[in-house]
Amino acid sequence: MPVEKKGHKGFSPKVSQYYKVDNDKVSRERKTCVRCGKGVFMSEHKNRRTCGKCGDTEFIQ
């Protein structure tokens, strides 16, 4: 008996939202994780930043 999927839990934002392009310069919009390194961005919350890969959390004052 096959198991039916109930749908998506959420959605992953497009990678293009993590970068800002001004003429010929490209800049990152979000901070990268200190532990994981380049390519792993931290999610922005109301009072903290969190890495989805390693779970590292930085609190913003």
PDB file of N, CA and C in Angstrom:
ATOM      1  N   MET A   1       0.833  -1.165   0.000  1.00  0.00           N
ATOM      2  CA  MET A   1       0.000   0.000   0.000  1.00  0.00           C
ATOM      3  C   MET A   1       0.893   1.250   0.000  1.00  0.00           C
ATOM      4  N   PRO A   2       0.837   2.099  -1.056  1.00  0.00           N
ATOM      5  CA  PRO A   2       1.697   3.285  -1.107  1.00  0.00           C
ATOM      6  C   PRO A   2       1.244   4.357  -0.119  1.00  0.00           C
ATOM      7  N   VAL A   3       2.224   5.070   0.396  1.00  0.00           N
ATOM      8  CA  VAL A   3       1.960   6.153   1.342  1.00  0.00           C
ATOM      9  C   VAL A   3       1.823   7.452   0.564  1.00  0.00           C
ATOM     10  N   GLU A   4       0.761   8.186   0.806  1.00  0.00           N
ATOM     11  CA  GLU A   4       0.543   9.452   0.115  1.00  0.00           C
ATOM     12  C   GLU A   4       1.194  10.599   0.881  1.00  0.00           C
ATOM     13  N   LYS A   5       1.785  11.512   0.140  1.00  0.00           N
ATOM     14  CA  LYS A   5       2.370  12.694   0.760  1.00  0.00           C
ATOM     15  C   LYS A   5       1.274  13.714   1.004  1.00  0.00           C
ATOM     16  N   LYS A   6       1.352  14.417   2.124  1.00  0.00           N
ATOM     17  CA  LYS A   6       0.316  15.369   2.500  1.00  0.00           C
ATOM     18  C   LYS A   6       0.615  16.789   2.053  1.00  0.00           C
ATOM     19  N   GLY A   7       1.739  17.030   1.426  1.00  0.00           N
ATOM     20  CA  GLY A   7       2.076  18.377   0.981  1.00  0.00           C
ATOM     21  C   GLY A   7       3.371  18.844   1.607  1.00  0.00           C
ATOM     22  N   HIS A   8       3.704  20.044   1.315  1.00  0.00           N
ATOM     23  CA  HIS A   8       4.944  20.618   1.813  1.00  0.00           C
ATOM     24  C   HIS A   8       4.746  21.187   3.211  1.00  0.00           C
ATOM     25  N   LYS A   9       5.770  21.030   4.041  1.00  0.00           N
ATOM     26  CA  LYS A   9       5.748  21.650   5.369  1.00  0.00           C
ATOM     27  C   LYS A   9       5.904  23.153   5.251  1.00  0.00           C
ATOM     28  N   GLY A  10       6.807  23.564   4.432  1.00  0.00           N
ATOM     29  CA  GLY A  10       7.088  24.986   4.225  1.00  0.00           C
ATOM     30  C   GLY A  10       7.774  25.127   2.892  1.00  0.00           C
ATOM     31  N   PHE A  11       8.418  26.236   2.685  1.00  0.00           N
ATOM     32  CA  PHE A  11       9.144  26.412   1.444  1.00  0.00           C
ATOM     33  C   PHE A  11      10.503  26.998   1.738  1.00  0.00           C
ATOM     34  N   SER A  12      11.443  26.681   0.894  1.00  0.00           N
ATOM     35  CA  SER A  12      12.788  27.218   1.009  1.00  0.00           C
ATOM     36  C   SER A  12      12.886  28.441   0.113  1.00  0.00           C
ATOM     37  N   PRO A  13      13.321  29.555   0.660  1.00  0.00           N
ATOM     38  CA  PRO A  13      13.412  30.755  -0.169  1.00  0.00           C
ATOM     39  C   PRO A  13      14.422  30.568  -1.296  1.00  0.00           C
ATOM     40  N   LYS A  14      14.236  31.288  -2.365  1.00  0.00           N
ATOM     41  CA  LYS A  14      15.138  31.195  -3.501  1.00  0.00           C
ATOM     42  C   LYS A  14      16.500  31.762  -3.119  1.00  0.00           C
ATOM     43  N   VAL A  15      17.529  31.157  -3.645  1.00  0.00           N
ATOM     44  CA  VAL A  15      18.893  31.583  -3.335  1.00  0.00           C
ATOM     45  C   VAL A  15      19.129  33.012  -3.811  1.00  0.00           C
ATOM     46  N   SER A  16      18.415  33.437  -4.831  1.00  0.00           N
ATOM     47  CA  SER A  16      18.600  34.792  -5.349  1.00  0.00           C
ATOM     48  C   SER A  16      18.205  35.855  -4.329  1.00  0.00           C
ATOM     49  N   GLN A  17      17.404  35.485  -3.331  1.00  0.00           N
ATOM     50  CA  GLN A  17      17.020  36.440  -2.297  1.00  0.00           C
ATOM     51  C   GLN A  17      18.147  36.693  -1.299  1.00  0.00           C
ATOM     52  N   TYR A  18      19.179  35.859  -1.306  1.00  0.00           N
ATOM     53  CA  TYR A  18      20.293  36.015  -0.376  1.00  0.00           C
ATOM     54  C   TYR A  18      21.353  36.983  -0.883  1.00  0.00           C
ATOM     55  N   TYR A  19      21.251  37.418  -2.138  1.00  0.00           N
ATOM     56  CA  TYR A  19      22.241  38.293  -2.745  1.00  0.00           C
ATOM     57  C   TYR A  19      21.598  39.570  -3.273  1.00  0.00           C
ATOM     58  N   LYS A  20      22.378  40.643  -3.325  1.00  0.00           N
ATOM     59  CA  LYS A  20      21.917  41.915  -3.866  1.00  0.00           C
ATOM     60  C   LYS A  20      22.893  42.325  -4.968  1.00  0.00           C
ATOM     61  N   VAL A  21      22.367  42.696  -6.119  1.00  0.00           N
ATOM     62  CA  VAL A  21      23.205  43.063  -7.258  1.00  0.00           C
ATOM     63  C   VAL A  21      23.059  44.549  -7.520  1.00  0.00           C
ATOM     64  N   ASP A  22      24.169  45.274  -7.494  1.00  0.00           N
ATOM     65  CA  ASP A  22      24.219  46.695  -7.824  1.00  0.00           C
ATOM     66  C   ASP A  22      25.237  46.879  -8.939  1.00  0.00           C
ATOM     67  N   ASN A  23      24.744  47.177 -10.134  1.00  0.00           N
ATOM     68  CA  ASN A  23      25.584  47.331 -11.324  1.00  0.00           C
ATOM     69  C   ASN A  23      26.462  46.100 -11.517  1.00  0.00           C
ATOM     70  N   ASP A  24      27.750  46.181 -11.192  1.00  0.00           N
ATOM     71  CA  ASP A  24      28.656  45.048 -11.383  1.00  0.00           C
ATOM     72  C   ASP A  24      29.039  44.367 -10.079  1.00  0.00           C
ATOM     73  N   LYS A  25      28.522  44.863  -8.945  1.00  0.00           N
ATOM     74  CA  LYS A  25      28.901  44.306  -7.654  1.00  0.00           C
ATOM     75  C   LYS A  25      27.803  43.416  -7.082  1.00  0.00           C
ATOM     76  N   VAL A  26      28.213  42.313  -6.490  1.00  0.00           N
ATOM     77  CA  VAL A  26      27.285  41.392  -5.838  1.00  0.00           C
ATOM     78  C   VAL A  26      27.620  41.372  -4.356  1.00  0.00           C
ATOM     79  N   SER A  27      26.621  41.568  -3.490  1.00  0.00           N
ATOM     80  CA  SER A  27      26.845  41.536  -2.049  1.00  0.00           C
ATOM     81  C   SER A  27      25.860  40.576  -1.405  1.00  0.00           C
ATOM     82  N   ARG A  28      26.248  40.020  -0.272  1.00  0.00           N
ATOM     83  CA  ARG A  28      25.400  39.088   0.456  1.00  0.00           C
ATOM     84  C   ARG A  28      24.437  39.856   1.352  1.00  0.00           C
ATOM     85  N   GLU A  29      23.187  39.433   1.376  1.00  0.00           N
ATOM     86  CA  GLU A  29      22.173  40.070   2.212  1.00  0.00           C
ATOM     87  C   GLU A  29      22.197  39.498   3.626  1.00  0.00           C
ATOM     88  N   ARG A  30      22.449  38.212   3.753  1.00  0.00           N
ATOM     89  CA  ARG A  30      22.427  37.559   5.058  1.00  0.00           C
ATOM     90  C   ARG A  30      23.824  37.149   5.479  1.00  0.00           C
ATOM     91  N   LYS A  31      23.999  36.985   6.767  1.00  0.00           N
ATOM     92  CA  LYS A  31      25.292  36.616   7.320  1.00  0.00           C
ATOM     93  C   LYS A  31      25.545  35.119   7.119  1.00  0.00           C
ATOM     94  N   THR A  32      26.806  34.758   6.857  1.00  0.00           N
ATOM     95  CA  THR A  32      27.158  33.352   6.726  1.00  0.00           C
ATOM     96  C   THR A  32      27.480  32.781   8.098  1.00  0.00           C
ATOM     97  N   CYS A  33      27.325  31.485   8.247  1.00  0.00           N
ATOM     98  CA  CYS A  33      27.580  30.815   9.522  1.00  0.00           C
ATOM     99  C   CYS A  33      29.086  30.760   9.784  1.00  0.00           C
ATOM    100  N   VAL A  34      29.471  31.056  11.016  1.00  0.00           N
ATOM    101  CA  VAL A  34      30.881  31.065  11.395  1.00  0.00           C
ATOM    102  C   VAL A  34      31.419  29.636  11.444  1.00  0.00           C
ATOM    103  N   ARG A  35      30.630  28.706  11.925  1.00  0.00           N
ATOM    104  CA  ARG A  35      31.055  27.310  12.034  1.00  0.00           C
ATOM    105  C   ARG A  35      31.109  26.599  10.685  1.00  0.00           C
ATOM    106  N   CYS A  36      30.051  26.740   9.894  1.00  0.00           N
ATOM    107  CA  CYS A  36      29.916  25.988   8.640  1.00  0.00           C
ATOM    108  C   CYS A  36      30.712  26.586   7.498  1.00  0.00           C
ATOM    109  N   GLY A  37      30.881  27.890   7.479  1.00  0.00           N
ATOM    110  CA  GLY A  37      31.677  28.541   6.447  1.00  0.00           C
ATOM    111  C   GLY A  37      30.864  29.082   5.297  1.00  0.00           C
ATOM    112  N   LYS A  38      31.529  29.280   4.167  1.00  0.00           N
ATOM    113  CA  LYS A  38      30.910  29.907   2.999  1.00  0.00           C
ATOM    114  C   LYS A  38      29.771  29.053   2.456  1.00  0.00           C
ATOM    115  N   GLY A  39      28.723  29.732   1.996  1.00  0.00           N
ATOM    116  CA  GLY A  39      27.609  29.042   1.365  1.00  0.00           C
ATOM    117  C   GLY A  39      26.491  28.643   2.296  1.00  0.00           C
ATOM    118  N   VAL A  40      26.693  28.753   3.614  1.00  0.00           N
ATOM    119  CA  VAL A  40      25.650  28.417   4.580  1.00  0.00           C
ATOM    120  C   VAL A  40      25.227  29.717   5.255  1.00  0.00           C
ATOM    121  N   PHE A  41      24.007  30.137   4.969  1.00  0.00           N
ATOM    122  CA  PHE A  41      23.507  31.398   5.492  1.00  0.00           C
ATOM    123  C   PHE A  41      22.706  31.173   6.774  1.00  0.00           C
ATOM    124  N   MET A  42      22.692  32.189   7.622  1.00  0.00           N
ATOM    125  CA  MET A  42      21.937  32.127   8.866  1.00  0.00           C
ATOM    126  C   MET A  42      20.566  32.750   8.648  1.00  0.00           C
ATOM    127  N   SER A  43      19.543  32.150   9.246  1.00  0.00           N
ATOM    128  CA  SER A  43      18.195  32.685   9.112  1.00  0.00           C
ATOM    129  C   SER A  43      18.025  33.880  10.039  1.00  0.00           C
ATOM    130  N   GLU A  44      17.220  34.827   9.612  1.00  0.00           N
ATOM    131  CA  GLU A  44      16.988  36.058  10.368  1.00  0.00           C
ATOM    132  C   GLU A  44      15.672  35.936  11.130  1.00  0.00           C
ATOM    133  N   HIS A  45      15.740  36.063  12.444  1.00  0.00           N
ATOM    134  CA  HIS A  45      14.552  36.063  13.289  1.00  0.00           C
ATOM    135  C   HIS A  45      14.436  37.423  13.966  1.00  0.00           C
ATOM    136  N   LYS A  46      13.436  37.581  14.788  1.00  0.00           N
ATOM    137  CA  LYS A  46      13.182  38.869  15.438  1.00  0.00           C
ATOM    138  C   LYS A  46      14.343  39.301  16.338  1.00  0.00           C
ATOM    139  N   ASN A  47      14.870  38.388  17.134  1.00  0.00           N
ATOM    140  CA  ASN A  47      15.914  38.741  18.091  1.00  0.00           C
ATOM    141  C   ASN A  47      17.163  37.864  17.992  1.00  0.00           C
ATOM    142  N   ARG A  48      17.275  37.076  16.902  1.00  0.00           N
ATOM    143  CA  ARG A  48      18.428  36.174  16.805  1.00  0.00           C
ATOM    144  C   ARG A  48      18.671  35.766  15.351  1.00  0.00           C
ATOM    145  N   ARG A  49      19.859  35.205  15.113  1.00  0.00           N
ATOM    146  CA  ARG A  49      20.199  34.578  13.840  1.00  0.00           C
ATOM    147  C   ARG A  49      20.512  33.118  14.137  1.00  0.00           C
ATOM    148  N   THR A  50      20.033  32.214  13.295  1.00  0.00           N
ATOM    149  CA  THR A  50      20.208  30.788  13.542  1.00  0.00           C
ATOM    150  C   THR A  50      20.691  30.093  12.280  1.00  0.00           C
ATOM    151  N   CYS A  51      21.617  29.158  12.433  1.00  0.00           N
ATOM    152  CA  CYS A  51      22.082  28.331  11.325  1.00  0.00           C
ATOM    153  C   CYS A  51      21.210  27.077  11.276  1.00  0.00           C
ATOM    154  N   GLY A  52      20.678  26.770  10.113  1.00  0.00           N
ATOM    155  CA  GLY A  52      19.826  25.598   9.961  1.00  0.00           C
ATOM    156  C   GLY A  52      20.612  24.317   9.855  1.00  0.00           C
ATOM    157  N   LYS A  53      21.902  24.402   9.572  1.00  0.00           N
ATOM    158  CA  LYS A  53      22.725  23.216   9.394  1.00  0.00           C
ATOM    159  C   LYS A  53      23.314  22.719  10.714  1.00  0.00           C
ATOM    160  N   CYS A  54      23.947  23.625  11.473  1.00  0.00           N
ATOM    161  CA  CYS A  54      24.611  23.192  12.712  1.00  0.00           C
ATOM    162  C   CYS A  54      23.856  23.627  13.968  1.00  0.00           C
ATOM    163  N   GLY A  55      22.903  24.559  13.834  1.00  0.00           N
ATOM    164  CA  GLY A  55      22.121  25.002  15.000  1.00  0.00           C
ATOM    165  C   GLY A  55      22.743  26.126  15.787  1.00  0.00           C
ATOM    166  N   ASP A  56      23.828  26.694  15.304  1.00  0.00           N
ATOM    167  CA  ASP A  56      24.484  27.806  15.992  1.00  0.00           C
ATOM    168  C   ASP A  56      23.534  29.001  16.041  1.00  0.00           C
ATOM    169  N   THR A  57      23.457  29.678  17.200  1.00  0.00           N
ATOM    170  CA  THR A  57      22.542  30.802  17.391  1.00  0.00           C
ATOM    171  C   THR A  57      23.297  32.020  17.881  1.00  0.00           C
ATOM    172  N   GLU A  58      23.008  33.171  17.279  1.00  0.00           N
ATOM    173  CA  GLU A  58      23.563  34.454  17.716  1.00  0.00           C
ATOM    174  C   GLU A  58      22.382  35.335  18.108  1.00  0.00           C
ATOM    175  N   PHE A  59      22.423  35.901  19.284  1.00  0.00           N
ATOM    176  CA  PHE A  59      21.356  36.783  19.733  1.00  0.00           C
ATOM    177  C   PHE A  59      21.690  38.223  19.379  1.00  0.00           C
ATOM    178  N   ILE A  60      20.699  38.963  18.880  1.00  0.00           N
ATOM    179  CA  ILE A  60      20.865  40.354  18.473  1.00  0.00           C
ATOM    180  C   ILE A  60      20.292  41.233  19.563  1.00  0.00           C
ATOM    181  N   GLN A  61      21.013  42.271  19.929  1.00  0.00           N
ATOM    182  CA  GLN A  61      20.544  43.149  20.993  1.00  0.00           C
ATOM    183  C   GLN A  61      19.920  44.383  20.433  1.00  0.00           C
TER     184      GLN A  61
END
